[in-house]
Amino acid sequence: TSPSGVEGAATGLGYSKMVFVANLLAMFIRGLGYRAIPSGNDTALS
C-alpha cells in the first residue's frame, strides 16, 4: 500500500519486533554467562 499509513504500520511493527527479539536474545546470552549488546539501527551498520 506504499506510501500510506498502512505501509508505515508494517514498517513500525518490524521495528517494534526488532526491540522484542533483540532484547530477549541478549538476555538469553547474558544468562549463559556472556556479554551481549542488543542493537537496532544504533551502534553499527546492519
All heavy atoms as atom14 arrays in JSON, in Angstrom:
{
  "sequence": "TSPSGVEGAATGLGYSKMVFVANLLAMFIRGLGYRAIPSGNDTALS",
  "atom14_mask": [
    [1, 1, 1, 1, 1, 1, 1, 0, 0, 0, 0, 0, 0, 0],
    [1, 1, 1, 1, 1, 1, 0, 0, 0, 0, 0, 0, 0, 0],
    [1, 1, 1, 1, 1, 1, 1, 0, 0, 0, 0, 0, 0, 0],
    [1, 1, 1, 1, 1, 1, 0, 0, 0, 0, 0, 0, 0, 0],
    [1, 1, 1, 1, 0, 0, 0, 0, 0, 0, 0, 0, 0, 0],
    [1, 1, 1, 1, 1, 1, 1, 0, 0, 0, 0, 0, 0, 0],
    [1, 1, 1, 1, 1, 1, 1, 1, 1, 0, 0, 0, 0, 0],
    [1, 1, 1, 1, 0, 0, 0, 0, 0, 0, 0, 0, 0, 0],
    [1, 1, 1, 1, 1, 0, 0, 0, 0, 0, 0, 0, 0, 0],
    [1, 1, 1, 1, 1, 0, 0, 0, 0, 0, 0, 0, 0, 0],
    [1, 1, 1, 1, 1, 1, 1, 0, 0, 0, 0, 0, 0, 0],
    [1, 1, 1, 1, 0, 0, 0, 0, 0, 0, 0, 0, 0, 0],
    [1, 1, 1, 1, 1, 1, 1, 1, 0, 0, 0, 0, 0, 0],
    [1, 1, 1, 1, 0, 0, 0, 0, 0, 0, 0, 0, 0, 0],
    [1, 1, 1, 1, 1, 1, 1, 1, 1, 1, 1, 1, 0, 0],
    [1, 1, 1, 1, 1, 1, 0, 0, 0, 0, 0, 0, 0, 0],
    [1, 1, 1, 1, 1, 1, 1, 1, 1, 0, 0, 0, 0, 0],
    [1, 1, 1, 1, 1, 1, 1, 1, 0, 0, 0, 0, 0, 0],
    [1, 1, 1, 1, 1, 1, 1, 0, 0, 0, 0, 0, 0, 0],
    [1, 1, 1, 1, 1, 1, 1, 1, 1, 1, 1, 0, 0, 0],
    [1, 1, 1, 1, 1, 1, 1, 0, 0, 0, 0, 0, 0, 0],
    [1, 1, 1, 1, 1, 0, 0, 0, 0, 0, 0, 0, 0, 0],
    [1, 1, 1, 1, 1, 1, 1, 1, 0, 0, 0, 0, 0, 0],
    [1, 1, 1, 1, 1, 1, 1, 1, 0, 0, 0, 0, 0, 0],
    [1, 1, 1, 1, 1, 1, 1, 1, 0, 0, 0, 0, 0, 0],
    [1, 1, 1, 1, 1, 0, 0, 0, 0, 0, 0, 0, 0, 0],
    [1, 1, 1, 1, 1, 1, 1, 1, 0, 0, 0, 0, 0, 0],
    [1, 1, 1, 1, 1, 1, 1, 1, 1, 1, 1, 0, 0, 0],
    [1, 1, 1, 1, 1, 1, 1, 1, 0, 0, 0, 0, 0, 0],
    [1, 1, 1, 1, 1, 1, 1, 1, 1, 1, 1, 0, 0, 0],
    [1, 1, 1, 1, 0, 0, 0, 0, 0, 0, 0, 0, 0, 0],
    [1, 1, 1, 1, 1, 1, 1, 1, 0, 0, 0, 0, 0, 0],
    [1, 1, 1, 1, 0, 0, 0, 0, 0, 0, 0, 0, 0, 0],
    [1, 1, 1, 1, 1, 1, 1, 1, 1, 1, 1, 1, 0, 0],
    [1, 1, 1, 1, 1, 1, 1, 1, 1, 1, 1, 0, 0, 0],
    [1, 1, 1, 1, 1, 0, 0, 0, 0, 0, 0, 0, 0, 0],
    [1, 1, 1, 1, 1, 1, 1, 1, 0, 0, 0, 0, 0, 0],
    [1, 1, 1, 1, 1, 1, 1, 0, 0, 0, 0, 0, 0, 0],
    [1, 1, 1, 1, 1, 1, 0, 0, 0, 0, 0, 0, 0, 0],
    [1, 1, 1, 1, 0, 0, 0, 0, 0, 0, 0, 0, 0, 0],
    [1, 1, 1, 1, 1, 1, 1, 1, 0, 0, 0, 0, 0, 0],
    [1, 1, 1, 1, 1, 1, 1, 1, 0, 0, 0, 0, 0, 0],
    [1, 1, 1, 1, 1, 1, 1, 0, 0, 0, 0, 0, 0, 0],
    [1, 1, 1, 1, 1, 0, 0, 0, 0, 0, 0, 0, 0, 0],
    [1, 1, 1, 1, 1, 1, 1, 1, 0, 0, 0, 0, 0, 0],
    [1, 1, 1, 1, 1, 1, 0, 0, 0, 0, 0, 0, 0, 0]
  ],
  "atom14_positions": [
    [[0.82, -1.22, 0.0], [0.0, 0.0, 0.0], [0.85, 1.27, 0.0], [0.32, 2.37, 0.08], [-0.92, 0.03, 1.23], [-0.14, 0.17, 2.42], [-1.76, -1.23, 1.32], [0.0, 0.0, 0.0], [0.0, 0.0, 0.0], [0.0, 0.0, 0.0], [0.0, 0.0, 0.0], [0.0, 0.0, 0.0], [0.0, 0.0, 0.0], [0.0, 0.0, 0.0]],
    [[2.17, 1.12, -0.09], [3.09, 2.27, -0.04], [2.81, 3.26, -1.18], [2.56, 2.86, -2.32], [4.53, 1.78, -0.15], [5.42, 2.86, -0.23], [0.0, 0.0, 0.0], [0.0, 0.0, 0.0], [0.0, 0.0, 0.0], [0.0, 0.0, 0.0], [0.0, 0.0, 0.0], [0.0, 0.0, 0.0], [0.0, 0.0, 0.0], [0.0, 0.0, 0.0]],
    [[2.92, 4.57, -0.83], [3.11, 5.15, 0.5], [1.77, 5.34, 1.2], [0.84, 5.92, 0.64], [3.78, 6.49, 0.21], [3.25, 6.88, -1.15], [2.99, 5.6, -1.88], [0.0, 0.0, 0.0], [0.0, 0.0, 0.0], [0.0, 0.0, 0.0], [0.0, 0.0, 0.0], [0.0, 0.0, 0.0], [0.0, 0.0, 0.0], [0.0, 0.0, 0.0]],
    [[1.67, 4.91, 2.44], [0.44, 5.08, 3.22], [0.74, 4.78, 4.68], [1.79, 4.2, 5.02], [-0.65, 4.12, 2.72], [-0.42, 2.8, 3.17], [0.0, 0.0, 0.0], [0.0, 0.0, 0.0], [0.0, 0.0, 0.0], [0.0, 0.0, 0.0], [0.0, 0.0, 0.0], [0.0, 0.0, 0.0], [0.0, 0.0, 0.0], [0.0, 0.0, 0.0]],
    [[-0.2, 5.11, 5.55], [-0.05, 4.79, 6.95], [-0.09, 3.3, 7.21], [0.49, 2.82, 8.19], [0.0, 0.0, 0.0], [0.0, 0.0, 0.0], [0.0, 0.0, 0.0], [0.0, 0.0, 0.0], [0.0, 0.0, 0.0], [0.0, 0.0, 0.0], [0.0, 0.0, 0.0], [0.0, 0.0, 0.0], [0.0, 0.0, 0.0], [0.0, 0.0, 0.0]],
    [[-0.79, 2.55, 6.36], [-0.83, 1.1, 6.5], [0.55, 0.51, 6.23], [1.02, -0.37, 6.96], [-1.9, 0.5, 5.56], [-1.84, -1.02, 5.57], [-3.29, 0.98, 5.97], [0.0, 0.0, 0.0], [0.0, 0.0, 0.0], [0.0, 0.0, 0.0], [0.0, 0.0, 0.0], [0.0, 0.0, 0.0], [0.0, 0.0, 0.0], [0.0, 0.0, 0.0]],
    [[1.2, 1.0, 5.19], [2.59, 0.57, 4.94], [3.49, 0.99, 6.09], [4.36, 0.23, 6.54], [3.09, 1.16, 3.62], [4.57, 1.04, 3.38], [5.34, 2.26, 3.88], [4.92, 3.39, 3.59], [6.37, 2.06, 4.57], [0.0, 0.0, 0.0], [0.0, 0.0, 0.0], [0.0, 0.0, 0.0], [0.0, 0.0, 0.0], [0.0, 0.0, 0.0]],
    [[3.28, 2.21, 6.61], [4.08, 2.68, 7.74], [3.89, 1.81, 8.97], [4.82, 1.63, 9.76], [0.0, 0.0, 0.0], [0.0, 0.0, 0.0], [0.0, 0.0, 0.0], [0.0, 0.0, 0.0], [0.0, 0.0, 0.0], [0.0, 0.0, 0.0], [0.0, 0.0, 0.0], [0.0, 0.0, 0.0], [0.0, 0.0, 0.0], [0.0, 0.0, 0.0]],
    [[2.7, 1.23, 9.12], [2.45, 0.33, 10.24], [3.24, -0.97, 10.09], [3.75, -1.51, 11.07], [0.96, 0.03, 10.36], [0.0, 0.0, 0.0], [0.0, 0.0, 0.0], [0.0, 0.0, 0.0], [0.0, 0.0, 0.0], [0.0, 0.0, 0.0], [0.0, 0.0, 0.0], [0.0, 0.0, 0.0], [0.0, 0.0, 0.0], [0.0, 0.0, 0.0]],
    [[3.34, -1.47, 8.86], [4.14, -2.68, 8.63], [5.61, -2.42, 8.97], [6.28, -3.26, 9.58], [4.0, -3.13, 7.18], [0.0, 0.0, 0.0], [0.0, 0.0, 0.0], [0.0, 0.0, 0.0], [0.0, 0.0, 0.0], [0.0, 0.0, 0.0], [0.0, 0.0, 0.0], [0.0, 0.0, 0.0], [0.0, 0.0, 0.0], [0.0, 0.0, 0.0]],
    [[6.1, -1.24, 8.6], [7.47, -0.87, 8.93], [7.64, -0.72, 10.43], [8.58, -1.24, 11.04], [7.85, 0.44, 8.23], [7.73, 0.28, 6.82], [9.27, 0.86, 8.57], [0.0, 0.0, 0.0], [0.0, 0.0, 0.0], [0.0, 0.0, 0.0], [0.0, 0.0, 0.0], [0.0, 0.0, 0.0], [0.0, 0.0, 0.0], [0.0, 0.0, 0.0]],
    [[6.72, 0.0, 11.07], [6.81, 0.23, 12.5], [6.73, -1.06, 13.31], [7.45, -1.22, 14.3], [0.0, 0.0, 0.0], [0.0, 0.0, 0.0], [0.0, 0.0, 0.0], [0.0, 0.0, 0.0], [0.0, 0.0, 0.0], [0.0, 0.0, 0.0], [0.0, 0.0, 0.0], [0.0, 0.0, 0.0], [0.0, 0.0, 0.0], [0.0, 0.0, 0.0]],
    [[5.88, -1.98, 12.88], [5.78, -3.25, 13.59], [7.09, -4.03, 13.46], [7.52, -4.7, 14.41], [4.62, -4.08, 13.04], [4.32, -5.38, 13.79], [3.99, -5.11, 15.25], [3.19, -6.15, 13.11], [0.0, 0.0, 0.0], [0.0, 0.0, 0.0], [0.0, 0.0, 0.0], [0.0, 0.0, 0.0], [0.0, 0.0, 0.0], [0.0, 0.0, 0.0]],
    [[7.75, -3.91, 12.29], [9.06, -4.53, 12.14], [10.05, -4.0, 13.15], [10.8, -4.76, 13.78], [0.0, 0.0, 0.0], [0.0, 0.0, 0.0], [0.0, 0.0, 0.0], [0.0, 0.0, 0.0], [0.0, 0.0, 0.0], [0.0, 0.0, 0.0], [0.0, 0.0, 0.0], [0.0, 0.0, 0.0], [0.0, 0.0, 0.0], [0.0, 0.0, 0.0]],
    [[10.06, -2.68, 13.36], [10.96, -2.07, 14.34], [10.61, -2.48, 15.76], [11.49, -2.71, 16.6], [10.96, -0.56, 14.2], [11.91, -0.05, 13.15], [11.48, 0.21, 11.85], [13.25, 0.16, 13.44], [12.36, 0.66, 10.88], [14.14, 0.61, 12.48], [13.69, 0.86, 11.2], [14.56, 1.3, 10.25], [0.0, 0.0, 0.0], [0.0, 0.0, 0.0]],
    [[9.32, -2.54, 16.09], [8.92, -2.95, 17.43], [9.28, -4.42, 17.69], [9.69, -4.78, 18.79], [7.42, -2.72, 17.63], [7.14, -1.33, 17.77], [0.0, 0.0, 0.0], [0.0, 0.0, 0.0], [0.0, 0.0, 0.0], [0.0, 0.0, 0.0], [0.0, 0.0, 0.0], [0.0, 0.0, 0.0], [0.0, 0.0, 0.0], [0.0, 0.0, 0.0]],
    [[9.14, -5.25, 16.67], [9.55, -6.66, 16.81], [11.06, -6.77, 16.98], [11.55, -7.64, 17.71], [9.09, -7.47, 15.6], [7.6, -7.75, 15.56], [7.23, -8.59, 14.35], [5.75, -8.94, 14.34], [5.4, -9.76, 13.14], [0.0, 0.0, 0.0], [0.0, 0.0, 0.0], [0.0, 0.0, 0.0], [0.0, 0.0, 0.0], [0.0, 0.0, 0.0]],
    [[11.81, -5.91, 16.29], [13.27, -5.89, 16.47], [13.63, -5.7, 17.93], [14.51, -6.38, 18.46], [13.88, -4.76, 15.63], [13.94, -5.01, 14.15], [14.19, -3.48, 13.2], [15.6, -2.73, 14.03], [0.0, 0.0, 0.0], [0.0, 0.0, 0.0], [0.0, 0.0, 0.0], [0.0, 0.0, 0.0], [0.0, 0.0, 0.0], [0.0, 0.0, 0.0]],
    [[12.97, -4.75, 18.59], [13.24, -4.48, 20.01], [13.0, -5.73, 20.84], [13.84, -6.13, 21.66], [12.34, -3.33, 20.52], [12.56, -3.11, 22.01], [12.58, -2.06, 19.74], [0.0, 0.0, 0.0], [0.0, 0.0, 0.0], [0.0, 0.0, 0.0], [0.0, 0.0, 0.0], [0.0, 0.0, 0.0], [0.0, 0.0, 0.0], [0.0, 0.0, 0.0]],
    [[11.87, -6.35, 20.62], [11.47, -7.53, 21.37], [12.47, -8.67, 21.2], [12.99, -9.23, 22.16], [10.07, -7.96, 20.9], [9.51, -9.18, 21.56], [8.83, -9.09, 22.76], [9.65, -10.42, 20.96], [8.31, -10.23, 23.37], [9.14, -11.57, 21.56], [8.46, -11.47, 22.77], [0.0, 0.0, 0.0], [0.0, 0.0, 0.0], [0.0, 0.0, 0.0]],
    [[12.77, -8.99, 19.94], [13.64, -10.13, 19.65], [15.06, -9.88, 20.14], [15.69, -10.75, 20.77], [13.63, -10.44, 18.14], [14.66, -11.5, 17.79], [12.24, -10.88, 17.69], [0.0, 0.0, 0.0], [0.0, 0.0, 0.0], [0.0, 0.0, 0.0], [0.0, 0.0, 0.0], [0.0, 0.0, 0.0], [0.0, 0.0, 0.0], [0.0, 0.0, 0.0]],
    [[15.61, -8.7, 19.84], [17.0, -8.41, 20.22], [17.16, -8.39, 21.74], [18.16, -8.9, 22.28], [17.44, -7.08, 19.62], [0.0, 0.0, 0.0], [0.0, 0.0, 0.0], [0.0, 0.0, 0.0], [0.0, 0.0, 0.0], [0.0, 0.0, 0.0], [0.0, 0.0, 0.0], [0.0, 0.0, 0.0], [0.0, 0.0, 0.0], [0.0, 0.0, 0.0]],
    [[16.21, -7.8, 22.44], [16.31, -7.75, 23.9], [16.29, -9.15, 24.5], [17.1, -9.48, 25.37], [15.18, -6.9, 24.47], [15.17, -6.9, 25.99], [14.52, -7.74, 26.61], [15.89, -5.97, 26.59], [0.0, 0.0, 0.0], [0.0, 0.0, 0.0], [0.0, 0.0, 0.0], [0.0, 0.0, 0.0], [0.0, 0.0, 0.0], [0.0, 0.0, 0.0]],
    [[15.38, -9.98, 24.04], [15.26, -11.32, 24.62], [16.48, -12.18, 24.31], [16.97, -12.91, 25.18], [13.99, -12.01, 24.1], [12.65, -11.38, 24.47], [11.51, -12.3, 24.05], [12.56, -11.07, 25.95], [0.0, 0.0, 0.0], [0.0, 0.0, 0.0], [0.0, 0.0, 0.0], [0.0, 0.0, 0.0], [0.0, 0.0, 0.0], [0.0, 0.0, 0.0]],
    [[17.01, -12.08, 23.09], [18.19, -12.88, 22.77], [19.4, -12.4, 23.56], [20.22, -13.22, 24.01], [18.47, -12.83, 21.27], [19.58, -13.79, 20.82], [19.21, -15.24, 21.11], [19.9, -13.6, 19.34], [0.0, 0.0, 0.0], [0.0, 0.0, 0.0], [0.0, 0.0, 0.0], [0.0, 0.0, 0.0], [0.0, 0.0, 0.0], [0.0, 0.0, 0.0]],
    [[19.54, -11.09, 23.75], [20.64, -10.58, 24.56], [20.53, -11.1, 26.0], [21.53, -11.49, 26.62], [20.65, -9.05, 24.54], [0.0, 0.0, 0.0], [0.0, 0.0, 0.0], [0.0, 0.0, 0.0], [0.0, 0.0, 0.0], [0.0, 0.0, 0.0], [0.0, 0.0, 0.0], [0.0, 0.0, 0.0], [0.0, 0.0, 0.0], [0.0, 0.0, 0.0]],
    [[19.32, -11.12, 26.53], [19.13, -11.63, 27.9], [19.47, -13.11, 27.98], [20.02, -13.59, 28.97], [17.69, -11.39, 28.35], [17.31, -9.92, 28.45], [18.2, -9.05, 29.76], [17.11, -9.28, 31.14], [0.0, 0.0, 0.0], [0.0, 0.0, 0.0], [0.0, 0.0, 0.0], [0.0, 0.0, 0.0], [0.0, 0.0, 0.0], [0.0, 0.0, 0.0]],
    [[19.15, -13.87, 26.94], [19.49, -15.29, 26.91], [21.0, -15.49, 26.95], [21.52, -16.31, 27.71], [18.89, -15.94, 25.67], [19.29, -17.38, 25.47], [18.77, -18.38, 26.27], [20.2, -17.72, 24.48], [19.16, -19.71, 26.1], [20.59, -19.04, 24.29], [20.06, -20.04, 25.11], [0.0, 0.0, 0.0], [0.0, 0.0, 0.0], [0.0, 0.0, 0.0]],
    [[21.71, -14.72, 26.12], [23.17, -14.84, 26.08], [23.78, -14.44, 27.41], [24.71, -15.09, 27.92], [23.73, -13.97, 24.93], [23.3, -14.56, 23.58], [25.26, -13.87, 25.01], [23.66, -13.7, 22.38], [0.0, 0.0, 0.0], [0.0, 0.0, 0.0], [0.0, 0.0, 0.0], [0.0, 0.0, 0.0], [0.0, 0.0, 0.0], [0.0, 0.0, 0.0]],
    [[23.26, -13.4, 28.05], [23.76, -13.0, 29.36], [23.5, -14.09, 30.4], [24.31, -14.31, 31.3], [23.1, -11.69, 29.79], [23.53, -10.49, 28.96], [22.62, -9.31, 29.19], [22.93, -8.21, 28.28], [22.08, -7.22, 27.99], [20.87, -7.19, 28.54], [22.44, -6.27, 27.15], [0.0, 0.0, 0.0], [0.0, 0.0, 0.0], [0.0, 0.0, 0.0]],
    [[22.37, -14.77, 30.26], [22.05, -15.85, 31.18], [23.01, -17.03, 31.06], [23.13, -17.83, 32.0], [0.0, 0.0, 0.0], [0.0, 0.0, 0.0], [0.0, 0.0, 0.0], [0.0, 0.0, 0.0], [0.0, 0.0, 0.0], [0.0, 0.0, 0.0], [0.0, 0.0, 0.0], [0.0, 0.0, 0.0], [0.0, 0.0, 0.0], [0.0, 0.0, 0.0]],
    [[23.69, -17.13, 29.91], [24.7, -18.18, 29.72], [26.05, -17.79, 30.32], [26.97, -18.6, 30.35], [24.87, -18.47, 28.22], [23.64, -18.92, 27.45], [23.99, -19.15, 25.99], [23.03, -20.18, 28.06], [0.0, 0.0, 0.0], [0.0, 0.0, 0.0], [0.0, 0.0, 0.0], [0.0, 0.0, 0.0], [0.0, 0.0, 0.0], [0.0, 0.0, 0.0]],
    [[26.15, -16.52, 30.75], [27.39, -16.07, 31.37], [28.27, -15.22, 30.47], [29.45, -15.02, 30.76], [0.0, 0.0, 0.0], [0.0, 0.0, 0.0], [0.0, 0.0, 0.0], [0.0, 0.0, 0.0], [0.0, 0.0, 0.0], [0.0, 0.0, 0.0], [0.0, 0.0, 0.0], [0.0, 0.0, 0.0], [0.0, 0.0, 0.0], [0.0, 0.0, 0.0]],
    [[27.7, -14.67, 29.38], [28.48, -13.87, 28.44], [27.87, -12.47, 28.32], [26.76, -12.21, 28.79], [28.52, -14.55, 27.06], [29.21, -15.89, 27.08], [28.5, -17.05, 27.36], [30.58, -15.98, 26.87], [29.13, -18.29, 27.41], [31.22, -17.21, 26.91], [30.5, -18.36, 27.18], [31.14, -19.57, 27.22], [0.0, 0.0, 0.0], [0.0, 0.0, 0.0]],
    [[28.6, -11.58, 27.68], [28.13, -10.21, 27.49], [27.43, -10.09, 26.13], [27.79, -10.78, 25.18], [29.29, -9.23, 27.57], [29.98, -9.19, 28.93], [31.2, -8.27, 28.91], [32.25, -8.81, 28.05], [33.32, -8.12, 27.66], [33.47, -6.85, 28.04], [34.23, -8.68, 26.88], [0.0, 0.0, 0.0], [0.0, 0.0, 0.0], [0.0, 0.0, 0.0]],
    [[26.45, -9.19, 26.05], [25.68, -9.04, 24.82], [25.2, -7.6, 24.65], [24.69, -7.01, 25.6], [24.49, -9.99, 24.8], [0.0, 0.0, 0.0], [0.0, 0.0, 0.0], [0.0, 0.0, 0.0], [0.0, 0.0, 0.0], [0.0, 0.0, 0.0], [0.0, 0.0, 0.0], [0.0, 0.0, 0.0], [0.0, 0.0, 0.0], [0.0, 0.0, 0.0]],
    [[25.38, -7.06, 23.46], [24.92, -5.72, 23.12], [23.78, -5.85, 22.09], [24.02, -6.19, 20.94], [26.05, -4.87, 22.51], [27.14, -4.62, 23.55], [25.51, -3.55, 21.97], [28.36, -3.9, 22.98], [0.0, 0.0, 0.0], [0.0, 0.0, 0.0], [0.0, 0.0, 0.0], [0.0, 0.0, 0.0], [0.0, 0.0, 0.0], [0.0, 0.0, 0.0]],
    [[22.52, -5.63, 22.5], [21.43, -5.63, 21.53], [21.43, -4.32, 20.74], [21.71, -3.26, 21.29], [20.19, -5.77, 22.4], [20.57, -5.16, 23.71], [22.05, -5.37, 23.87], [0.0, 0.0, 0.0], [0.0, 0.0, 0.0], [0.0, 0.0, 0.0], [0.0, 0.0, 0.0], [0.0, 0.0, 0.0], [0.0, 0.0, 0.0], [0.0, 0.0, 0.0]],
    [[21.11, -4.4, 19.47], [21.21, -3.21, 18.62], [20.15, -3.24, 17.54], [19.91, -4.27, 16.91], [22.61, -3.16, 17.98], [22.68, -2.16, 16.99], [0.0, 0.0, 0.0], [0.0, 0.0, 0.0], [0.0, 0.0, 0.0], [0.0, 0.0, 0.0], [0.0, 0.0, 0.0], [0.0, 0.0, 0.0], [0.0, 0.0, 0.0], [0.0, 0.0, 0.0]],
    [[19.52, -2.08, 17.32], [18.61, -1.9, 16.2], [19.34, -1.15, 15.1], [20.23, -1.69, 14.45], [0.0, 0.0, 0.0], [0.0, 0.0, 0.0], [0.0, 0.0, 0.0], [0.0, 0.0, 0.0], [0.0, 0.0, 0.0], [0.0, 0.0, 0.0], [0.0, 0.0, 0.0], [0.0, 0.0, 0.0], [0.0, 0.0, 0.0], [0.0, 0.0, 0.0]],
    [[18.96, 0.11, 14.9], [19.68, 0.95, 13.93], [20.88, 1.65, 14.57], [21.58, 2.41, 13.9], [18.74, 2.0, 13.33], [17.86, 1.43, 12.25], [17.91, 0.23, 11.97], [17.02, 2.26, 11.66], [0.0, 0.0, 0.0], [0.0, 0.0, 0.0], [0.0, 0.0, 0.0], [0.0, 0.0, 0.0], [0.0, 0.0, 0.0], [0.0, 0.0, 0.0]],
    [[21.12, 1.41, 15.83], [22.2, 2.07, 16.55], [23.49, 1.27, 16.49], [23.52, 0.13, 16.03], [21.79, 2.25, 18.02], [21.44, 0.91, 18.67], [20.36, 0.37, 18.34], [22.23, 0.41, 19.46], [0.0, 0.0, 0.0], [0.0, 0.0, 0.0], [0.0, 0.0, 0.0], [0.0, 0.0, 0.0], [0.0, 0.0, 0.0], [0.0, 0.0, 0.0]],
    [[24.57, 1.86, 16.95], [25.87, 1.23, 17.23], [26.66, 0.83, 15.99], [27.83, 1.18, 15.84], [25.72, 0.01, 18.16], [24.97, 0.4, 19.32], [27.08, -0.53, 18.58], [0.0, 0.0, 0.0], [0.0, 0.0, 0.0], [0.0, 0.0, 0.0], [0.0, 0.0, 0.0], [0.0, 0.0, 0.0], [0.0, 0.0, 0.0], [0.0, 0.0, 0.0]],
    [[26.05, 0.06, 15.07], [26.79, -0.44, 13.92], [25.87, -0.57, 12.71], [24.64, -0.61, 12.85], [27.43, -1.79, 14.24], [0.0, 0.0, 0.0], [0.0, 0.0, 0.0], [0.0, 0.0, 0.0], [0.0, 0.0, 0.0], [0.0, 0.0, 0.0], [0.0, 0.0, 0.0], [0.0, 0.0, 0.0], [0.0, 0.0, 0.0], [0.0, 0.0, 0.0]],
    [[26.47, -0.64, 11.53], [25.73, -0.72, 10.27], [25.17, -2.12, 10.08], [25.9, -3.11, 10.08], [26.66, -0.36, 9.11], [27.24, 1.05, 9.15], [28.42, 1.17, 8.19], [26.16, 2.07, 8.78], [0.0, 0.0, 0.0], [0.0, 0.0, 0.0], [0.0, 0.0, 0.0], [0.0, 0.0, 0.0], [0.0, 0.0, 0.0], [0.0, 0.0, 0.0]],
    [[23.87, -2.21, 9.85], [23.21, -3.5, 9.79], [23.38, -4.22, 8.46], [23.51, -5.44, 8.43], [21.72, -3.34, 10.1], [21.51, -2.91, 11.42], [0.0, 0.0, 0.0], [0.0, 0.0, 0.0], [0.0, 0.0, 0.0], [0.0, 0.0, 0.0], [0.0, 0.0, 0.0], [0.0, 0.0, 0.0], [0.0, 0.0, 0.0], [0.0, 0.0, 0.0]]
  ]
}
